[in-house]
Amino acid sequence: HMADYSYDAMVIYCFSDVGLEALRENVKIPVIAPGEVTLSVAQTLCSRFVVVTGAGWNIPRTYRRMMRNCIAREKMQAVLALDIPAEKMRVNPNATKEHLEMVCREAVEKYQADGVILGCLGMAGYGDELERKYPVKVLDPAFIAVAYAELCVRLLQSEIMLEHGMVPDSSTYRSVFCPEGGDAPWMLDRAG
């Protein structure tokens, strides 16, 4: 039971963001949805992207779900499948990499995509190698969601710090983004 633990944030480990609304209604911590957050990143980093799902039977469902999102409607070119069930993606990593390479090649050649979204969190960690081989940005929702959860927690902590007057002395810190200094704790870096 969630109340028995002390968590700062929760990440749904599914690109489909299963149970998102119910979770957000029932917990007081940030609930991070990998699909939602990754599409926001795609909005910034990609002009045209392809979503890669695990199984072919999932293409219509993923496509329907993506079309509810204005970013996907504008920039998504296709939903492609590896034809490897999620539970099998880690059984033979070489086969998964091989299938991902074929899909990346298709994304670039057929759809002129500059981004590929790994539409199953079972594909986590395969992106770096693909980026070295193909001219695409591979968006890995597993890593993006965790990074966003960390950002949310830091923002909440800094709010609490501000409320309690716990802002560090500005003479000790300088802003990473503003050389003359800043007062936002999440943007501060030790001067020196």
C-alpha atoms as a PDB file:
ATOM      1  CA  HIS A   1       0.000   0.000   0.000  1.00  0.00           C
ATOM      2  CA  MET A   2       1.364   3.425  -1.025  1.00  0.00           C
ATOM      3  CA  ALA A   3       0.619   5.030   2.341  1.00  0.00           C
ATOM      4  CA  ASP A   4       3.098   2.642   3.958  1.00  0.00           C
ATOM      5  CA  TYR A   5       6.008   4.110   1.986  1.00  0.00           C
ATOM      6  CA  SER A   6       7.552   7.510   1.579  1.00  0.00           C
ATOM      7  CA  TYR A   7       7.937   8.246  -2.121  1.00  0.00           C
ATOM      8  CA  ASP A   8       8.598  11.620  -3.706  1.00  0.00           C
ATOM      9  CA  ALA A   9       7.269  10.693  -7.159  1.00  0.00           C
ATOM     10  CA  MET A  10       5.931   7.741  -9.122  1.00  0.00           C
ATOM     11  CA  VAL A  11       6.724   6.700 -12.711  1.00  0.00           C
ATOM     12  CA  ILE A  12       4.265   4.490 -14.580  1.00  0.00           C
ATOM     13  CA  TYR A  13       6.405   1.890 -16.315  1.00  0.00           C
ATOM     14  CA  CYS A  14       4.365   1.749 -19.525  1.00  0.00           C
ATOM     15  CA  PHE A  15       4.424   4.029 -22.573  1.00  0.00           C
ATOM     16  CA  SER A  16       0.612   3.779 -22.701  1.00  0.00           C
ATOM     17  CA  ASP A  17       0.406   5.643 -19.367  1.00  0.00           C
ATOM     18  CA  VAL A  18      -1.963   2.999 -17.997  1.00  0.00           C
ATOM     19  CA  GLY A  19      -3.991   4.165 -14.987  1.00  0.00           C
ATOM     20  CA  LEU A  20      -2.646   7.722 -15.110  1.00  0.00           C
ATOM     21  CA  GLU A  21      -5.813   9.614 -14.178  1.00  0.00           C
ATOM     22  CA  ALA A  22      -6.747   7.212 -11.378  1.00  0.00           C
ATOM     23  CA  LEU A  23      -3.259   7.420  -9.872  1.00  0.00           C
ATOM     24  CA  ARG A  24      -3.127  11.216 -10.055  1.00  0.00           C
ATOM     25  CA  GLU A  25      -6.499  11.399  -8.321  1.00  0.00           C
ATOM     26  CA  ASN A  26      -5.399   9.112  -5.490  1.00  0.00           C
ATOM     27  CA  VAL A  27      -1.857  10.157  -4.555  1.00  0.00           C
ATOM     28  CA  LYS A  28      -0.357  13.466  -3.498  1.00  0.00           C
ATOM     29  CA  ILE A  29       2.962  13.017  -5.257  1.00  0.00           C
ATOM     30  CA  PRO A  30       3.775  13.631  -8.933  1.00  0.00           C
ATOM     31  CA  VAL A  31       2.722  10.712 -11.129  1.00  0.00           C
ATOM     32  CA  ILE A  32       4.875  10.713 -14.251  1.00  0.00           C
ATOM     33  CA  ALA A  33       3.487   9.321 -17.498  1.00  0.00           C
ATOM     34  CA  PRO A  34       6.268   8.237 -19.898  1.00  0.00           C
ATOM     35  CA  GLY A  35       4.144   8.595 -23.034  1.00  0.00           C
ATOM     36  CA  GLU A  36       2.923  12.053 -22.082  1.00  0.00           C
ATOM     37  CA  VAL A  37       6.368  13.352 -21.104  1.00  0.00           C
ATOM     38  CA  THR A  38       8.118  11.815 -24.115  1.00  0.00           C
ATOM     39  CA  LEU A  39       5.689  13.444 -26.543  1.00  0.00           C
ATOM     40  CA  SER A  40       6.471  16.790 -24.910  1.00  0.00           C
ATOM     41  CA  VAL A  41      10.177  16.165 -25.471  1.00  0.00           C
ATOM     42  CA  ALA A  42       9.470  15.122 -29.071  1.00  0.00           C
ATOM     43  CA  GLN A  43       7.669  18.438 -29.580  1.00  0.00           C
ATOM     44  CA  THR A  44      10.928  20.240 -28.757  1.00  0.00           C
ATOM     45  CA  LEU A  45      13.524  17.947 -30.346  1.00  0.00           C
ATOM     46  CA  CYS A  46      11.846  16.482 -33.431  1.00  0.00           C
ATOM     47  CA  SER A  47      10.238  17.736 -36.611  1.00  0.00           C
ATOM     48  CA  ARG A  48       8.999  14.298 -37.676  1.00  0.00           C
ATOM     49  CA  PHE A  49       8.999  11.193 -35.512  1.00  0.00           C
ATOM     50  CA  VAL A  50       8.008   7.545 -35.577  1.00  0.00           C
ATOM     51  CA  VAL A  51       6.757   5.548 -32.582  1.00  0.00           C
ATOM     52  CA  VAL A  52       8.051   1.977 -32.303  1.00  0.00           C
ATOM     53  CA  THR A  53       5.806  -0.498 -30.513  1.00  0.00           C
ATOM     54  CA  GLY A  54       6.613  -4.066 -29.597  1.00  0.00           C
ATOM     55  CA  ALA A  55       3.969  -6.045 -31.478  1.00  0.00           C
ATOM     56  CA  GLY A  56       2.168  -5.491 -34.764  1.00  0.00           C
ATOM     57  CA  TRP A  57      -1.240  -6.108 -33.185  1.00  0.00           C
ATOM     58  CA  ASN A  58      -0.573  -3.035 -31.018  1.00  0.00           C
ATOM     59  CA  ILE A  59      -0.158  -0.611 -33.962  1.00  0.00           C
ATOM     60  CA  PRO A  60      -3.861   0.373 -34.312  1.00  0.00           C
ATOM     61  CA  ARG A  61      -4.276   0.873 -30.548  1.00  0.00           C
ATOM     62  CA  THR A  62      -1.079   2.928 -30.293  1.00  0.00           C
ATOM     63  CA  TYR A  63      -2.018   4.966 -33.353  1.00  0.00           C
ATOM     64  CA  ARG A  64      -5.521   5.679 -31.967  1.00  0.00           C
ATOM     65  CA  ARG A  65      -4.081   6.707 -28.602  1.00  0.00           C
ATOM     66  CA  MET A  66      -1.414   8.902 -30.199  1.00  0.00           C
ATOM     67  CA  MET A  67      -3.985  10.708 -32.345  1.00  0.00           C
ATOM     68  CA  ARG A  68      -5.603  12.060 -29.145  1.00  0.00           C
ATOM     69  CA  ASN A  69      -2.415  14.071 -28.603  1.00  0.00           C
ATOM     70  CA  CYS A  70      -1.948  17.298 -30.601  1.00  0.00           C
ATOM     71  CA  ILE A  71       1.845  16.834 -30.760  1.00  0.00           C
ATOM     72  CA  ALA A  72       1.481  13.374 -32.270  1.00  0.00           C
ATOM     73  CA  ARG A  73      -1.186  14.563 -34.720  1.00  0.00           C
ATOM     74  CA  GLU A  74       1.218  17.228 -35.942  1.00  0.00           C
ATOM     75  CA  LYS A  75       4.552  15.394 -36.014  1.00  0.00           C
ATOM     76  CA  MET A  76       4.063  11.603 -35.868  1.00  0.00           C
ATOM     77  CA  GLN A  77       4.634   9.954 -39.230  1.00  0.00           C
ATOM     78  CA  ALA A  78       3.925   6.320 -38.362  1.00  0.00           C
ATOM     79  CA  VAL A  79       3.678   3.640 -35.713  1.00  0.00           C
ATOM     80  CA  LEU A  80       5.999   0.741 -36.519  1.00  0.00           C
ATOM     81  CA  ALA A  81       6.402  -2.609 -34.763  1.00  0.00           C
ATOM     82  CA  LEU A  82       9.334  -4.802 -33.822  1.00  0.00           C
ATOM     83  CA  ASP A  83       7.064  -7.840 -33.670  1.00  0.00           C
ATOM     84  CA  ILE A  84       8.679  -8.859 -30.409  1.00  0.00           C
ATOM     85  CA  PRO A  85       6.415  -9.105 -27.334  1.00  0.00           C
ATOM     86  CA  ALA A  86       7.492  -6.878 -24.426  1.00  0.00           C
ATOM     87  CA  GLU A  87       8.311  -9.855 -22.202  1.00  0.00           C
ATOM     88  CA  LYS A  88      10.716 -11.210 -24.866  1.00  0.00           C
ATOM     89  CA  MET A  89      12.678  -8.002 -25.592  1.00  0.00           C
ATOM     90  CA  ARG A  90      15.324  -8.748 -22.957  1.00  0.00           C
ATOM     91  CA  VAL A  91      15.519 -12.496 -23.634  1.00  0.00           C
ATOM     92  CA  ASN A  92      17.552 -12.011 -26.818  1.00  0.00           C
ATOM     93  CA  PRO A  93      18.984  -8.452 -26.787  1.00  0.00           C
ATOM     94  CA  ASN A  94      20.790  -8.975 -30.097  1.00  0.00           C
ATOM     95  CA  ALA A  95      17.540  -9.848 -31.879  1.00  0.00           C
ATOM     96  CA  THR A  96      15.862  -6.801 -30.320  1.00  0.00           C
ATOM     97  CA  LYS A  97      18.729  -4.550 -31.445  1.00  0.00           C
ATOM     98  CA  GLU A  98      18.582  -6.041 -34.943  1.00  0.00           C
ATOM     99  CA  HIS A  99      14.825  -5.402 -35.221  1.00  0.00           C
ATOM    100  CA  LEU A 100      15.240  -1.860 -33.837  1.00  0.00           C
ATOM    101  CA  GLU A 101      17.927  -1.143 -36.419  1.00  0.00           C
ATOM    102  CA  MET A 102      15.602  -2.241 -39.245  1.00  0.00           C
ATOM    103  CA  VAL A 103      12.800  -0.053 -37.878  1.00  0.00           C
ATOM    104  CA  CYS A 104      15.153   2.941 -37.468  1.00  0.00           C
ATOM    105  CA  ARG A 105      16.339   2.532 -41.033  1.00  0.00           C
ATOM    106  CA  GLU A 106      12.706   2.477 -42.210  1.00  0.00           C
ATOM    107  CA  ALA A 107      11.900   5.544 -40.083  1.00  0.00           C
ATOM    108  CA  VAL A 108      14.716   7.494 -41.728  1.00  0.00           C
ATOM    109  CA  GLU A 109      14.417   6.229 -45.294  1.00  0.00           C
ATOM    110  CA  LYS A 110      10.667   5.865 -45.720  1.00  0.00           C
ATOM    111  CA  TYR A 111       9.325   8.523 -43.318  1.00  0.00           C
ATOM    112  CA  GLN A 112      12.247  11.000 -43.219  1.00  0.00           C
ATOM    113  CA  ALA A 113      11.946  10.935 -39.422  1.00  0.00           C
ATOM    114  CA  ASP A 114      14.459  12.817 -37.310  1.00  0.00           C
ATOM    115  CA  GLY A 115      13.164  11.142 -34.159  1.00  0.00           C
ATOM    116  CA  VAL A 116      12.252   7.648 -33.015  1.00  0.00           C
ATOM    117  CA  ILE A 117      10.237   7.102 -29.847  1.00  0.00           C
ATOM    118  CA  LEU A 118      10.726   3.729 -28.186  1.00  0.00           C
ATOM    119  CA  GLY A 119       7.037   3.030 -27.549  1.00  0.00           C
ATOM    120  CA  CYS A 120       7.585   0.226 -25.050  1.00  0.00           C
ATOM    121  CA  LEU A 121       9.640   0.597 -21.912  1.00  0.00           C
ATOM    122  CA  GLY A 122      10.976  -2.911 -22.507  1.00  0.00           C
ATOM    123  CA  MET A 123      13.179  -1.223 -25.143  1.00  0.00           C
ATOM    124  CA  ALA A 124      14.889   0.932 -22.507  1.00  0.00           C
ATOM    125  CA  GLY A 125      18.596   1.393 -23.044  1.00  0.00           C
ATOM    126  CA  TYR A 126      18.736   0.572 -26.749  1.00  0.00           C
ATOM    127  CA  GLY A 127      18.754   4.168 -27.981  1.00  0.00           C
ATOM    128  CA  ASP A 128      22.426   5.202 -27.795  1.00  0.00           C
ATOM    129  CA  GLU A 129      23.629   2.597 -30.259  1.00  0.00           C
ATOM    130  CA  LEU A 130      20.841   3.474 -32.714  1.00  0.00           C
ATOM    131  CA  GLU A 131      21.757   7.165 -32.590  1.00  0.00           C
ATOM    132  CA  ARG A 132      25.346   6.311 -33.519  1.00  0.00           C
ATOM    133  CA  LYS A 133      24.180   4.395 -36.602  1.00  0.00           C
ATOM    134  CA  TYR A 134      21.290   6.550 -37.854  1.00  0.00           C
ATOM    135  CA  PRO A 135      20.680  10.301 -38.155  1.00  0.00           C
ATOM    136  CA  VAL A 136      17.820  10.277 -35.611  1.00  0.00           C
ATOM    137  CA  LYS A 137      17.250  11.291 -32.027  1.00  0.00           C
ATOM    138  CA  VAL A 138      16.049   8.219 -30.143  1.00  0.00           C
ATOM    139  CA  LEU A 139      13.700   9.151 -27.319  1.00  0.00           C
ATOM    140  CA  ASP A 140      13.725   6.574 -24.536  1.00  0.00           C
ATOM    141  CA  PRO A 141      10.620   7.092 -22.366  1.00  0.00           C
ATOM    142  CA  ALA A 142      12.084   5.111 -19.450  1.00  0.00           C
ATOM    143  CA  PHE A 143      14.964   7.554 -19.032  1.00  0.00           C
ATOM    144  CA  ILE A 144      12.936  10.648 -19.930  1.00  0.00           C
ATOM    145  CA  ALA A 145      10.258   9.785 -17.348  1.00  0.00           C
ATOM    146  CA  VAL A 146      12.781   9.247 -14.541  1.00  0.00           C
ATOM    147  CA  ALA A 147      14.588  12.486 -15.400  1.00  0.00           C
ATOM    148  CA  TYR A 148      11.261  14.333 -15.387  1.00  0.00           C
ATOM    149  CA  ALA A 149      10.338  12.767 -12.034  1.00  0.00           C
ATOM    150  CA  GLU A 150      13.649  14.044 -10.625  1.00  0.00           C
ATOM    151  CA  LEU A 151      12.911  17.518 -11.999  1.00  0.00           C
ATOM    152  CA  CYS A 152       9.435  17.520 -10.427  1.00  0.00           C
ATOM    153  CA  VAL A 153      10.828  16.466  -7.055  1.00  0.00           C
ATOM    154  CA  ARG A 154      13.507  19.167  -7.200  1.00  0.00           C
ATOM    155  CA  LEU A 155      10.912  21.792  -8.078  1.00  0.00           C
ATOM    156  CA  LEU A 156       8.702  20.694  -5.186  1.00  0.00           C
ATOM    157  CA  GLN A 157      11.677  20.703  -2.808  1.00  0.00           C
ATOM    158  CA  SER A 158      12.698  24.174  -3.911  1.00  0.00           C
ATOM    159  CA  GLU A 159       9.123  25.394  -3.331  1.00  0.00           C
ATOM    160  CA  ILE A 160       9.338  24.073   0.228  1.00  0.00           C
ATOM    161  CA  MET A 161      12.744  25.705   0.655  1.00  0.00           C
ATOM    162  CA  LEU A 162      11.361  29.038  -0.526  1.00  0.00           C
ATOM    163  CA  GLU A 163       8.328  28.751   1.766  1.00  0.00           C
ATOM    164  CA  HIS A 164      10.605  28.189   4.786  1.00  0.00           C
ATOM    165  CA  GLY A 165      13.127  30.876   3.858  1.00  0.00           C
ATOM    166  CA  MET A 166      15.794  28.272   3.188  1.00  0.00           C
ATOM    167  CA  VAL A 167      17.174  29.881   0.020  1.00  0.00           C
ATOM    168  CA  PRO A 168      20.983  29.708   0.024  1.00  0.00           C
ATOM    169  CA  ASP A 169      22.932  32.939   0.404  1.00  0.00           C
ATOM    170  CA  SER A 170      23.220  34.346  -3.125  1.00  0.00           C
ATOM    171  CA  SER A 171      26.837  35.382  -2.535  1.00  0.00           C
ATOM    172  CA  THR A 172      27.730  31.686  -2.230  1.00  0.00           C
ATOM    173  CA  TYR A 173      25.973  30.613  -5.414  1.00  0.00           C
ATOM    174  CA  ARG A 174      25.579  31.767  -8.960  1.00  0.00           C
ATOM    175  CA  SER A 175      22.940  30.706 -11.414  1.00  0.00           C
ATOM    176  CA  VAL A 176      23.934  28.197 -14.080  1.00  0.00           C
ATOM    177  CA  PHE A 177      21.742  30.116 -16.562  1.00  0.00           C
ATOM    178  CA  CYS A 178      22.331  33.662 -15.360  1.00  0.00           C
ATOM    179  CA  PRO A 179      25.996  34.539 -14.605  1.00  0.00           C
ATOM    180  CA  GLU A 180      25.107  37.508 -12.404  1.00  0.00           C
ATOM    181  CA  GLY A 181      23.312  35.204  -9.956  1.00  0.00           C
ATOM    182  CA  GLY A 182      19.831  33.949  -9.337  1.00  0.00           C
ATOM    183  CA  ASP A 183      17.448  33.039  -6.592  1.00  0.00           C
ATOM    184  CA  ALA A 184      16.039  29.739  -7.854  1.00  0.00           C
ATOM    185  CA  PRO A 185      17.684  26.880  -5.899  1.00  0.00           C
ATOM    186  CA  TRP A 186      17.197  24.299  -8.678  1.00  0.00           C
ATOM    187  CA  MET A 187      19.244  26.474 -11.022  1.00  0.00           C
ATOM    188  CA  LEU A 188      22.115  27.148  -8.691  1.00  0.00           C
ATOM    189  CA  ASP A 189      25.635  25.899  -8.960  1.00  0.00           C
ATOM    190  CA  ARG A 190      28.411  26.549  -6.427  1.00  0.00           C
ATOM    191  CA  ALA A 191      30.451  29.600  -7.366  1.00  0.00           C
ATOM    192  CA  GLY A 192      34.108  29.180  -7.212  1.00  0.00           C
END
